[in-house]
């Protein structure tokens, strides 16, 4: 089987492990791809990895081999996506340290276990986030980005109020001039103007 090797950075011990495994299993190592200095937190922005993936997906090699999973990615989610990609495209993915090898039944079972754990981890994080937001809402905490009123609109409201214009009158003038609200709405109400003025007074 023809294989390519992808590493975040080269390490003699890791290289020897792959070379020894290739000899043992009769693999032909076609090329080595190294993303020198690249972070392994994710598989994105990894030009050498992109070339390795291009090679296996074009059929120039049959497998992508790494000595250690963290040389490919420290993100289990990204690694799972790569495994799913290998299954769909028909090439093999091998990580020697975990025993992941989609060319063997045992290795594929381990790959499935990794994928299932990653899915469980994502759902667990999602549930924790959902629960935390529910607690915040129950406490009356406003969620999302705070709305910001443009300074020039605030100054205009304050200036009109300073000249004795009523709250309703200010809203009518802003509507007449098609001035958007802080939320991007097209309709000003007296209550909206009042909130702007109150927020300024509270400073």
N, C-alpha and C. Protein backbone atom coordinates (compact mmCIF):
# COMPACT_ATOMS: atom_id res chain seq x y z
N UNK A 1 0.85 -1.20 0.00
CA UNK A 1 0.00 0.00 0.00
C UNK A 1 0.88 1.24 0.00
N UNK A 2 0.53 2.21 -0.82
CA UNK A 2 1.26 3.47 -0.87
C UNK A 2 0.68 4.42 0.17
N UNK A 3 1.55 5.08 0.93
CA UNK A 3 1.08 5.95 2.00
C UNK A 3 1.86 7.25 2.03
N UNK A 4 1.22 8.30 2.56
CA UNK A 4 1.91 9.56 2.80
C UNK A 4 1.86 9.83 4.29
N UNK A 5 2.81 10.60 4.75
CA UNK A 5 2.93 10.86 6.18
C UNK A 5 2.78 12.36 6.41
N UNK A 6 1.93 12.73 7.34
CA UNK A 6 1.72 14.14 7.65
C UNK A 6 2.08 14.39 9.11
N UNK A 7 2.87 15.43 9.35
CA UNK A 7 3.28 15.77 10.71
C UNK A 7 3.18 17.27 10.90
N UNK A 8 2.87 17.68 12.14
CA UNK A 8 2.89 19.11 12.46
C UNK A 8 4.34 19.59 12.42
N UNK A 9 5.21 18.84 13.04
CA UNK A 9 6.64 19.08 12.88
C UNK A 9 7.33 17.72 13.00
N UNK A 10 8.45 17.58 12.34
CA UNK A 10 9.11 16.28 12.29
C UNK A 10 9.87 15.98 13.59
N UNK A 11 9.80 14.76 13.99
CA UNK A 11 10.52 14.28 15.18
C UNK A 11 11.17 12.95 14.80
N UNK A 12 12.48 12.79 15.02
CA UNK A 12 13.16 11.56 14.62
C UNK A 12 12.49 10.29 15.13
N UNK A 13 12.05 10.31 16.39
CA UNK A 13 11.42 9.11 16.95
C UNK A 13 10.11 8.80 16.25
N UNK A 14 9.32 9.84 15.97
CA UNK A 14 8.05 9.63 15.27
C UNK A 14 8.30 9.12 13.86
N UNK A 15 9.31 9.70 13.21
CA UNK A 15 9.64 9.27 11.86
C UNK A 15 10.05 7.81 11.82
N UNK A 16 10.85 7.41 12.82
CA UNK A 16 11.29 6.01 12.89
C UNK A 16 10.12 5.07 13.11
N UNK A 17 9.16 5.49 13.93
CA UNK A 17 7.99 4.65 14.20
C UNK A 17 7.21 4.39 12.93
N UNK A 18 7.04 5.43 12.12
CA UNK A 18 6.29 5.28 10.88
C UNK A 18 7.07 4.43 9.88
N UNK A 19 8.38 4.68 9.79
CA UNK A 19 9.21 3.90 8.86
C UNK A 19 9.21 2.42 9.23
N UNK A 20 9.33 2.13 10.52
CA UNK A 20 9.32 0.73 10.98
C UNK A 20 7.98 0.07 10.69
N UNK A 21 6.89 0.80 10.94
CA UNK A 21 5.56 0.24 10.68
C UNK A 21 5.35 0.00 9.19
N UNK A 22 5.87 0.92 8.37
CA UNK A 22 5.74 0.77 6.92
C UNK A 22 6.48 -0.48 6.44
N UNK A 23 7.68 -0.70 6.97
CA UNK A 23 8.45 -1.89 6.59
C UNK A 23 7.73 -3.16 7.04
N UNK A 24 7.21 -3.13 8.26
CA UNK A 24 6.53 -4.31 8.81
C UNK A 24 5.31 -4.69 8.00
N UNK A 25 4.59 -3.67 7.50
CA UNK A 25 3.34 -3.94 6.79
C UNK A 25 3.48 -3.85 5.27
N UNK A 26 4.70 -3.60 4.81
CA UNK A 26 4.92 -3.57 3.37
C UNK A 26 4.38 -2.32 2.69
N UNK A 27 4.32 -1.23 3.41
CA UNK A 27 3.86 0.03 2.83
C UNK A 27 5.02 0.73 2.12
N UNK A 28 4.68 1.47 1.12
CA UNK A 28 5.65 2.32 0.44
C UNK A 28 5.37 3.77 0.83
N UNK A 29 6.30 4.41 1.54
CA UNK A 29 6.11 5.81 1.92
C UNK A 29 6.47 6.70 0.74
N UNK A 30 5.47 7.37 0.20
CA UNK A 30 5.68 8.19 -0.98
C UNK A 30 6.23 9.57 -0.67
N UNK A 31 5.76 10.16 0.41
CA UNK A 31 6.18 11.54 0.70
C UNK A 31 5.95 11.86 2.17
N UNK A 32 6.63 12.91 2.63
CA UNK A 32 6.47 13.40 4.00
C UNK A 32 6.03 14.85 3.92
N UNK A 33 4.98 15.18 4.63
CA UNK A 33 4.46 16.55 4.63
C UNK A 33 4.59 17.12 6.04
N UNK A 34 5.24 18.27 6.14
CA UNK A 34 5.49 18.87 7.44
C UNK A 34 4.95 20.30 7.47
N UNK A 35 4.11 20.59 8.46
CA UNK A 35 3.64 21.96 8.70
C UNK A 35 4.50 22.55 9.82
N UNK A 36 5.67 23.03 9.47
CA UNK A 36 6.60 23.56 10.47
C UNK A 36 6.03 24.78 11.17
N UNK A 37 6.00 24.73 12.49
CA UNK A 37 5.54 25.88 13.27
C UNK A 37 4.05 26.06 13.33
N UNK A 38 3.29 25.21 12.65
CA UNK A 38 1.83 25.35 12.65
C UNK A 38 1.24 24.77 13.92
N UNK A 39 0.15 25.36 14.37
CA UNK A 39 -0.54 24.86 15.56
C UNK A 39 -1.31 23.60 15.22
N UNK A 40 -1.34 22.67 16.15
CA UNK A 40 -2.10 21.43 15.94
C UNK A 40 -3.47 21.50 16.60
N UNK A 41 -3.86 22.69 17.05
CA UNK A 41 -5.17 22.81 17.68
C UNK A 41 -6.28 22.55 16.68
N UNK A 42 -5.99 22.76 15.40
CA UNK A 42 -6.99 22.56 14.36
C UNK A 42 -6.30 22.10 13.09
N UNK A 43 -7.07 21.56 12.14
CA UNK A 43 -6.50 21.10 10.88
C UNK A 43 -6.57 22.18 9.81
N UNK A 44 -7.13 23.34 10.13
CA UNK A 44 -7.21 24.42 9.15
C UNK A 44 -5.90 25.20 9.13
N UNK A 45 -5.66 25.93 8.06
CA UNK A 45 -4.44 26.71 7.85
C UNK A 45 -3.20 25.83 8.00
N UNK A 46 -3.28 24.65 7.41
CA UNK A 46 -2.16 23.70 7.42
C UNK A 46 -1.86 23.32 5.98
N UNK A 47 -1.06 24.12 5.25
CA UNK A 47 -0.83 23.88 3.82
C UNK A 47 -0.26 22.50 3.51
N UNK A 48 0.67 22.02 4.34
CA UNK A 48 1.26 20.70 4.08
C UNK A 48 0.21 19.60 4.25
N UNK A 49 -0.62 19.73 5.27
CA UNK A 49 -1.69 18.76 5.47
C UNK A 49 -2.65 18.78 4.29
N UNK A 50 -2.93 19.97 3.79
CA UNK A 50 -3.83 20.09 2.63
C UNK A 50 -3.24 19.35 1.42
N UNK A 51 -1.92 19.43 1.25
CA UNK A 51 -1.27 18.72 0.14
C UNK A 51 -1.35 17.21 0.34
N UNK A 52 -1.17 16.77 1.59
CA UNK A 52 -1.25 15.34 1.88
C UNK A 52 -2.66 14.82 1.60
N UNK A 53 -3.67 15.58 2.00
CA UNK A 53 -5.05 15.19 1.75
C UNK A 53 -5.35 15.17 0.26
N UNK A 54 -4.78 16.13 -0.46
CA UNK A 54 -4.97 16.18 -1.91
C UNK A 54 -4.38 14.93 -2.56
N UNK A 55 -3.23 14.49 -2.04
CA UNK A 55 -2.57 13.30 -2.60
C UNK A 55 -3.41 12.05 -2.42
N UNK A 56 -3.97 11.85 -1.22
CA UNK A 56 -4.77 10.64 -1.00
C UNK A 56 -6.10 10.71 -1.74
N UNK A 57 -6.66 11.89 -1.86
CA UNK A 57 -7.96 12.00 -2.52
C UNK A 57 -7.85 11.93 -4.04
N UNK A 58 -6.66 12.20 -4.56
CA UNK A 58 -6.43 12.04 -6.00
C UNK A 58 -6.03 10.60 -6.35
N UNK A 59 -5.84 9.78 -5.31
CA UNK A 59 -5.46 8.39 -5.56
C UNK A 59 -3.97 8.19 -5.72
N UNK A 60 -3.17 9.24 -5.43
CA UNK A 60 -1.72 9.11 -5.53
C UNK A 60 -1.17 8.28 -4.38
N UNK A 61 -1.91 8.21 -3.30
CA UNK A 61 -1.56 7.37 -2.15
C UNK A 61 -2.85 6.80 -1.59
N UNK A 62 -2.73 5.73 -0.84
CA UNK A 62 -3.92 5.06 -0.31
C UNK A 62 -4.18 5.36 1.16
N UNK A 63 -3.18 5.94 1.84
CA UNK A 63 -3.34 6.17 3.27
C UNK A 63 -2.58 7.41 3.73
N UNK A 64 -3.11 8.02 4.79
CA UNK A 64 -2.45 9.12 5.49
C UNK A 64 -2.04 8.58 6.85
N UNK A 65 -0.75 8.66 7.16
CA UNK A 65 -0.22 8.03 8.38
C UNK A 65 0.44 9.07 9.27
N UNK A 66 0.13 9.01 10.57
CA UNK A 66 0.81 9.85 11.56
C UNK A 66 1.24 8.95 12.72
N UNK A 67 2.36 9.32 13.35
CA UNK A 67 2.83 8.53 14.49
C UNK A 67 1.95 8.77 15.71
N UNK A 68 1.60 10.04 15.93
CA UNK A 68 0.77 10.40 17.08
C UNK A 68 -0.37 11.30 16.64
N UNK A 69 -1.51 11.09 17.26
CA UNK A 69 -2.70 11.87 16.91
C UNK A 69 -2.45 13.37 17.06
N UNK A 70 -1.74 13.78 18.13
CA UNK A 70 -1.56 15.22 18.35
C UNK A 70 -0.62 15.85 17.33
N UNK A 71 0.03 15.04 16.51
CA UNK A 71 0.82 15.58 15.40
C UNK A 71 -0.08 15.99 14.25
N UNK A 72 -1.26 15.41 14.23
CA UNK A 72 -2.21 15.75 13.18
C UNK A 72 -3.16 16.84 13.65
N UNK A 73 -3.75 16.63 14.82
CA UNK A 73 -4.65 17.63 15.40
C UNK A 73 -4.91 17.30 16.86
N UNK A 74 -5.00 18.36 17.67
CA UNK A 74 -5.37 18.16 19.07
C UNK A 74 -6.88 18.27 19.25
N UNK A 75 -7.56 18.59 18.17
CA UNK A 75 -9.02 18.71 18.21
C UNK A 75 -9.64 17.38 17.82
N UNK A 76 -10.34 16.73 18.76
CA UNK A 76 -10.99 15.47 18.45
C UNK A 76 -12.07 15.66 17.39
N UNK A 77 -12.69 16.83 17.41
CA UNK A 77 -13.73 17.13 16.41
C UNK A 77 -13.13 17.14 15.01
N UNK A 78 -11.99 17.82 14.85
CA UNK A 78 -11.33 17.88 13.54
C UNK A 78 -10.87 16.49 13.11
N UNK A 79 -10.33 15.73 14.06
CA UNK A 79 -9.86 14.39 13.73
C UNK A 79 -11.02 13.51 13.28
N UNK A 80 -12.16 13.65 13.94
CA UNK A 80 -13.35 12.89 13.56
C UNK A 80 -13.79 13.26 12.15
N UNK A 81 -13.74 14.54 11.83
CA UNK A 81 -14.10 14.97 10.47
C UNK A 81 -13.17 14.35 9.43
N UNK A 82 -11.89 14.27 9.77
CA UNK A 82 -10.94 13.65 8.85
C UNK A 82 -11.24 12.17 8.66
N UNK A 83 -11.60 11.49 9.75
CA UNK A 83 -11.96 10.07 9.63
C UNK A 83 -13.18 9.89 8.75
N UNK A 84 -14.19 10.74 8.96
CA UNK A 84 -15.40 10.65 8.14
C UNK A 84 -15.08 10.93 6.68
N UNK A 85 -14.17 11.87 6.46
CA UNK A 85 -13.75 12.20 5.09
C UNK A 85 -13.04 11.01 4.45
N UNK A 86 -12.20 10.33 5.24
CA UNK A 86 -11.48 9.17 4.70
C UNK A 86 -12.44 8.04 4.33
N UNK A 87 -13.48 7.84 5.16
CA UNK A 87 -14.47 6.81 4.85
C UNK A 87 -15.22 7.13 3.56
N UNK A 88 -15.62 8.38 3.41
CA UNK A 88 -16.39 8.79 2.24
C UNK A 88 -15.56 8.73 0.96
N UNK A 89 -14.28 9.13 1.07
CA UNK A 89 -13.42 9.22 -0.12
C UNK A 89 -12.69 7.91 -0.43
N UNK A 90 -12.69 7.00 0.54
CA UNK A 90 -12.10 5.69 0.27
C UNK A 90 -10.60 5.58 0.51
N UNK A 91 -10.02 6.47 1.31
CA UNK A 91 -8.61 6.32 1.66
C UNK A 91 -8.50 6.01 3.15
N UNK A 92 -7.34 5.50 3.55
CA UNK A 92 -7.16 5.05 4.93
C UNK A 92 -6.49 6.13 5.78
N UNK A 93 -6.86 6.15 7.05
CA UNK A 93 -6.26 7.06 8.02
C UNK A 93 -5.68 6.22 9.15
N UNK A 94 -4.41 6.47 9.45
CA UNK A 94 -3.71 5.66 10.45
C UNK A 94 -3.02 6.57 11.47
N UNK A 95 -3.32 6.36 12.75
CA UNK A 95 -2.62 7.05 13.85
C UNK A 95 -2.04 5.96 14.74
N UNK A 96 -0.74 5.79 14.70
CA UNK A 96 -0.11 4.64 15.35
C UNK A 96 -0.29 4.62 16.86
N UNK A 97 -0.27 5.79 17.52
CA UNK A 97 -0.31 5.78 18.98
C UNK A 97 -1.64 5.32 19.55
N UNK A 98 -2.74 5.59 18.82
CA UNK A 98 -4.07 5.20 19.30
C UNK A 98 -4.54 3.86 18.74
N UNK A 99 -3.81 3.37 17.74
CA UNK A 99 -4.26 2.14 17.10
C UNK A 99 -5.35 2.38 16.08
N UNK A 100 -5.56 3.65 15.72
CA UNK A 100 -6.55 3.97 14.69
C UNK A 100 -5.99 3.52 13.34
N UNK A 101 -6.75 2.70 12.64
CA UNK A 101 -6.33 2.22 11.32
C UNK A 101 -7.58 1.77 10.58
N UNK A 102 -8.04 2.59 9.68
CA UNK A 102 -9.29 2.28 8.99
C UNK A 102 -9.15 1.19 7.94
N UNK A 103 -7.93 0.57 7.87
CA UNK A 103 -7.76 -0.55 6.94
C UNK A 103 -7.99 -1.90 7.62
N UNK A 104 -8.12 -1.90 8.96
CA UNK A 104 -8.31 -3.16 9.69
C UNK A 104 -9.58 -3.08 10.54
N UNK A 105 -10.22 -4.22 10.79
CA UNK A 105 -11.43 -4.22 11.62
C UNK A 105 -11.19 -3.65 13.02
N UNK A 106 -10.08 -4.06 13.66
CA UNK A 106 -9.78 -3.57 15.01
C UNK A 106 -9.50 -2.07 14.99
N UNK A 107 -8.72 -1.63 14.00
CA UNK A 107 -8.40 -0.21 13.90
C UNK A 107 -9.61 0.63 13.59
N UNK A 108 -10.52 0.08 12.79
CA UNK A 108 -11.75 0.82 12.47
C UNK A 108 -12.66 0.89 13.69
N UNK A 109 -12.66 -0.16 14.51
CA UNK A 109 -13.45 -0.13 15.73
C UNK A 109 -12.96 0.98 16.66
N UNK A 110 -11.64 1.13 16.76
CA UNK A 110 -11.07 2.21 17.58
C UNK A 110 -11.43 3.56 16.99
N UNK A 111 -11.39 3.66 15.66
CA UNK A 111 -11.75 4.91 14.99
C UNK A 111 -13.20 5.29 15.30
N UNK A 112 -14.07 4.28 15.27
CA UNK A 112 -15.49 4.53 15.60
C UNK A 112 -15.65 4.96 17.05
N UNK A 113 -14.85 4.37 17.94
CA UNK A 113 -14.91 4.75 19.35
C UNK A 113 -14.50 6.20 19.54
N UNK A 114 -13.46 6.61 18.82
CA UNK A 114 -13.00 8.00 18.88
C UNK A 114 -14.08 8.94 18.36
N UNK A 115 -14.72 8.55 17.24
CA UNK A 115 -15.78 9.38 16.66
C UNK A 115 -16.97 9.50 17.60
N UNK A 116 -17.34 8.37 18.22
CA UNK A 116 -18.48 8.39 19.15
C UNK A 116 -18.19 9.25 20.38
N UNK A 117 -16.96 9.15 20.88
CA UNK A 117 -16.59 9.97 22.04
C UNK A 117 -16.62 11.45 21.69
N UNK A 118 -16.14 11.78 20.48
CA UNK A 118 -16.14 13.17 20.04
C UNK A 118 -17.55 13.71 19.95
N UNK A 119 -18.47 12.89 19.41
CA UNK A 119 -19.87 13.31 19.31
C UNK A 119 -20.47 13.50 20.71
N UNK A 120 -20.16 12.58 21.62
CA UNK A 120 -20.64 12.70 23.00
C UNK A 120 -20.12 13.98 23.65
N UNK A 121 -18.84 14.27 23.42
CA UNK A 121 -18.22 15.47 23.99
C UNK A 121 -18.89 16.73 23.47
N UNK A 122 -19.18 16.78 22.16
CA UNK A 122 -19.84 17.95 21.57
C UNK A 122 -21.23 18.14 22.16
N UNK A 123 -21.98 17.04 22.30
CA UNK A 123 -23.34 17.13 22.84
C UNK A 123 -23.31 17.52 24.31
N UNK A 124 -22.32 17.03 25.04
CA UNK A 124 -22.20 17.37 26.46
C UNK A 124 -21.90 18.86 26.63
N UNK A 125 -21.01 19.39 25.80
CA UNK A 125 -20.69 20.82 25.85
C UNK A 125 -21.91 21.64 25.49
N UNK A 126 -22.65 21.19 24.46
CA UNK A 126 -23.86 21.90 24.05
C UNK A 126 -24.90 21.93 25.15
N UNK A 127 -25.06 20.80 25.86
CA UNK A 127 -26.04 20.74 26.95
C UNK A 127 -25.63 21.64 28.11
N UNK A 128 -24.34 21.66 28.41
CA UNK A 128 -23.85 22.52 29.49
C UNK A 128 -24.09 23.99 29.16
N UNK A 129 -23.84 24.34 27.91
CA UNK A 129 -24.07 25.73 27.48
C UNK A 129 -25.54 26.09 27.58
N UNK A 130 -26.40 25.17 27.13
CA UNK A 130 -27.84 25.39 27.20
C UNK A 130 -28.31 25.56 28.64
N UNK A 131 -27.80 24.72 29.53
CA UNK A 131 -28.18 24.80 30.95
C UNK A 131 -27.71 26.12 31.57
N UNK A 132 -26.49 26.54 31.22
CA UNK A 132 -25.95 27.78 31.76
C UNK A 132 -26.77 28.98 31.31
N UNK A 133 -27.19 28.98 30.04
CA UNK A 133 -28.01 30.08 29.52
C UNK A 133 -29.37 30.11 30.20
N UNK A 134 -29.92 28.92 30.47
CA UNK A 134 -31.22 28.85 31.15
C UNK A 134 -31.14 29.45 32.55
N UNK A 135 -30.03 29.18 33.24
CA UNK A 135 -29.83 29.75 34.58
C UNK A 135 -29.73 31.26 34.50
N UNK A 136 -29.00 31.76 33.51
CA UNK A 136 -28.85 33.21 33.33
C UNK A 136 -30.20 33.87 33.08
N UNK A 137 -31.00 33.23 32.22
CA UNK A 137 -32.33 33.80 31.92
C UNK A 137 -33.19 33.82 33.17
N UNK A 138 -33.13 32.74 33.96
CA UNK A 138 -33.92 32.66 35.19
C UNK A 138 -33.51 33.74 36.18
N UNK A 139 -32.25 34.16 36.11
CA UNK A 139 -31.74 35.20 37.00
C UNK A 139 -32.02 36.60 36.46
N UNK A 140 -32.64 36.64 35.28
CA UNK A 140 -32.97 37.94 34.69
C UNK A 140 -31.82 38.59 33.96
N UNK A 141 -30.78 37.83 33.68
CA UNK A 141 -29.63 38.38 32.96
C UNK A 141 -29.96 38.49 31.48
N UNK A 142 -29.71 39.64 30.90
CA UNK A 142 -29.95 39.83 29.47
C UNK A 142 -28.81 39.19 28.69
N UNK A 143 -29.17 38.37 27.72
CA UNK A 143 -28.18 37.65 26.93
C UNK A 143 -27.98 38.33 25.59
N UNK A 144 -26.84 38.05 24.99
CA UNK A 144 -26.56 38.63 23.69
C UNK A 144 -25.77 39.92 23.82
N UNK A 145 -25.41 40.46 22.68
CA UNK A 145 -24.64 41.70 22.67
C UNK A 145 -25.49 42.87 23.13
N UNK A 146 -24.91 43.76 23.93
CA UNK A 146 -25.67 44.95 24.30
C UNK A 146 -25.84 45.87 23.10
N UNK A 147 -27.02 46.47 22.98
CA UNK A 147 -27.27 47.37 21.87
C UNK A 147 -26.56 48.69 22.14
N UNK A 148 -26.00 49.26 21.09
CA UNK A 148 -25.26 50.51 21.22
C UNK A 148 -25.91 51.57 20.34
N UNK A 149 -26.33 52.65 20.95
CA UNK A 149 -26.93 53.77 20.22
C UNK A 149 -25.80 54.66 19.70
N UNK A 150 -25.82 55.01 18.41
CA UNK A 150 -24.79 55.92 17.88
C UNK A 150 -24.74 57.21 18.69
N UNK A 151 -23.54 57.69 18.97
CA UNK A 151 -23.36 58.87 19.81
C UNK A 151 -24.07 60.09 19.24
N UNK A 152 -24.06 60.21 17.91
CA UNK A 152 -24.69 61.40 17.31
C UNK A 152 -26.20 61.39 17.51
N UNK A 153 -26.81 60.20 17.55
CA UNK A 153 -28.25 60.11 17.79
C UNK A 153 -28.56 60.47 19.24
N UNK A 154 -27.72 59.99 20.15
CA UNK A 154 -27.90 60.31 21.57
C UNK A 154 -27.79 61.81 21.79
N UNK A 155 -26.79 62.43 21.17
CA UNK A 155 -26.59 63.87 21.33
C UNK A 155 -27.78 64.65 20.77
N UNK A 156 -28.32 64.15 19.67
CA UNK A 156 -29.48 64.83 19.07
C UNK A 156 -30.68 64.75 20.00
N UNK A 157 -30.91 63.58 20.58
CA UNK A 157 -32.03 63.40 21.51
C UNK A 157 -31.86 64.34 22.71
N UNK A 158 -30.65 64.37 23.25
CA UNK A 158 -30.38 65.23 24.41
C UNK A 158 -30.55 66.70 24.06
N UNK A 159 -30.12 67.07 22.86
CA UNK A 159 -30.24 68.47 22.44
C UNK A 159 -31.70 68.88 22.30
N UNK A 160 -32.51 68.00 21.69
CA UNK A 160 -33.93 68.31 21.53
C UNK A 160 -34.61 68.38 22.89
N UNK A 161 -34.24 67.48 23.77
CA UNK A 161 -34.84 67.49 25.10
C UNK A 161 -34.45 68.75 25.86
N UNK A 162 -33.19 69.17 25.66
CA UNK A 162 -32.72 70.38 26.31
C UNK A 162 -33.44 71.63 25.83
N UNK A 163 -33.98 71.58 24.61
CA UNK A 163 -34.72 72.71 24.05
C UNK A 163 -36.20 72.64 24.42
N UNK A 164 -36.57 71.64 25.22
CA UNK A 164 -37.94 71.54 25.68
C UNK A 164 -38.86 70.71 24.82
N UNK A 165 -38.31 69.99 23.83
CA UNK A 165 -39.14 69.13 22.99
C UNK A 165 -39.61 67.94 23.83
N UNK A 166 -40.88 67.58 23.71
CA UNK A 166 -41.43 66.47 24.49
C UNK A 166 -40.85 65.14 24.02
N UNK A 167 -40.99 64.14 24.88
CA UNK A 167 -40.51 62.80 24.53
C UNK A 167 -41.18 62.31 23.26
N UNK A 168 -42.50 62.49 23.17
CA UNK A 168 -43.24 62.10 21.97
C UNK A 168 -42.77 62.90 20.77
N UNK A 169 -42.51 64.18 20.96
CA UNK A 169 -42.05 65.03 19.86
C UNK A 169 -40.70 64.58 19.33
N UNK A 170 -39.81 64.17 20.24
CA UNK A 170 -38.50 63.67 19.81
C UNK A 170 -38.66 62.41 18.97
N UNK A 171 -39.52 61.50 19.43
CA UNK A 171 -39.75 60.26 18.68
C UNK A 171 -40.30 60.56 17.30
N UNK A 172 -41.24 61.51 17.21
CA UNK A 172 -41.84 61.86 15.92
C UNK A 172 -40.80 62.42 14.96
N UNK A 173 -39.90 63.26 15.46
CA UNK A 173 -38.88 63.85 14.59
C UNK A 173 -37.88 62.80 14.11
N UNK A 174 -37.52 61.90 14.99
CA UNK A 174 -36.60 60.83 14.58
C UNK A 174 -37.23 59.93 13.53
N UNK A 175 -38.53 59.66 13.69
CA UNK A 175 -39.25 58.85 12.70
C UNK A 175 -39.34 59.58 11.38
N UNK A 176 -39.59 60.89 11.45
CA UNK A 176 -39.72 61.69 10.22
C UNK A 176 -38.41 61.72 9.44
N UNK A 177 -37.29 61.67 10.16
CA UNK A 177 -35.98 61.70 9.50
C UNK A 177 -35.43 60.30 9.22
N UNK A 178 -36.26 59.28 9.46
CA UNK A 178 -35.87 57.88 9.19
C UNK A 178 -34.59 57.48 9.92
N UNK A 179 -34.45 57.93 11.16
CA UNK A 179 -33.29 57.55 11.97
C UNK A 179 -33.54 56.16 12.56
N UNK A 180 -32.65 55.20 12.31
CA UNK A 180 -32.86 53.85 12.85
C UNK A 180 -32.65 53.80 14.36
N UNK A 181 -33.34 52.89 15.01
CA UNK A 181 -33.16 52.69 16.44
C UNK A 181 -31.87 51.92 16.69
N UNK A 182 -31.54 51.71 17.95
CA UNK A 182 -30.32 50.96 18.29
C UNK A 182 -30.38 49.53 17.77
N UNK A 183 -31.60 48.98 17.66
CA UNK A 183 -31.78 47.62 17.15
C UNK A 183 -31.88 47.59 15.64
N UNK A 184 -31.79 48.75 15.00
CA UNK A 184 -31.92 48.81 13.55
C UNK A 184 -33.34 48.94 13.08
N UNK A 185 -34.27 49.14 14.02
CA UNK A 185 -35.68 49.29 13.65
C UNK A 185 -35.97 50.65 13.04
N UNK A 186 -37.15 50.77 12.44
CA UNK A 186 -37.51 52.01 11.75
C UNK A 186 -38.49 52.86 12.55
N UNK A 187 -38.97 52.35 13.68
CA UNK A 187 -40.00 53.05 14.43
C UNK A 187 -39.53 53.42 15.84
N UNK A 188 -39.54 54.72 16.11
CA UNK A 188 -39.23 55.22 17.45
C UNK A 188 -40.52 55.38 18.24
N UNK A 189 -40.47 55.03 19.51
CA UNK A 189 -41.59 55.24 20.41
C UNK A 189 -41.13 56.13 21.55
N UNK A 190 -42.09 56.74 22.23
CA UNK A 190 -41.74 57.61 23.36
C UNK A 190 -40.96 56.83 24.42
N UNK A 191 -41.35 55.57 24.61
CA UNK A 191 -40.66 54.73 25.61
C UNK A 191 -39.20 54.50 25.23
N UNK A 192 -38.95 54.39 23.91
CA UNK A 192 -37.57 54.17 23.44
C UNK A 192 -36.72 55.39 23.74
N UNK A 193 -37.27 56.56 23.45
CA UNK A 193 -36.55 57.81 23.72
C UNK A 193 -36.30 57.96 25.21
N UNK A 194 -37.30 57.61 26.00
CA UNK A 194 -37.18 57.71 27.46
C UNK A 194 -36.05 56.83 27.98
N UNK A 195 -35.92 55.63 27.43
CA UNK A 195 -34.85 54.72 27.86
C UNK A 195 -33.48 55.28 27.54
N UNK A 196 -33.37 55.93 26.37
CA UNK A 196 -32.09 56.53 26.00
C UNK A 196 -31.71 57.62 27.00
N UNK A 197 -32.66 58.47 27.31
CA UNK A 197 -32.40 59.56 28.25
C UNK A 197 -32.09 59.04 29.65
N UNK A 198 -32.82 58.01 30.07
CA UNK A 198 -32.59 57.44 31.40
C UNK A 198 -31.21 56.79 31.50
N UNK A 199 -30.79 56.14 30.42
CA UNK A 199 -29.48 55.50 30.43
C UNK A 199 -28.37 56.53 30.54
N UNK A 200 -28.60 57.70 29.94
CA UNK A 200 -27.61 58.77 30.03
C UNK A 200 -27.58 59.38 31.43
N UNK A 201 -28.74 59.48 32.03
CA UNK A 201 -28.81 60.06 33.38
C UNK A 201 -28.16 59.15 34.41
N UNK A 202 -28.18 57.84 34.11
CA UNK A 202 -27.62 56.89 35.06
C UNK A 202 -26.10 56.83 35.04
N UNK A 203 -25.48 57.54 34.10
CA UNK A 203 -24.03 57.51 34.00
C UNK A 203 -23.37 58.50 34.96
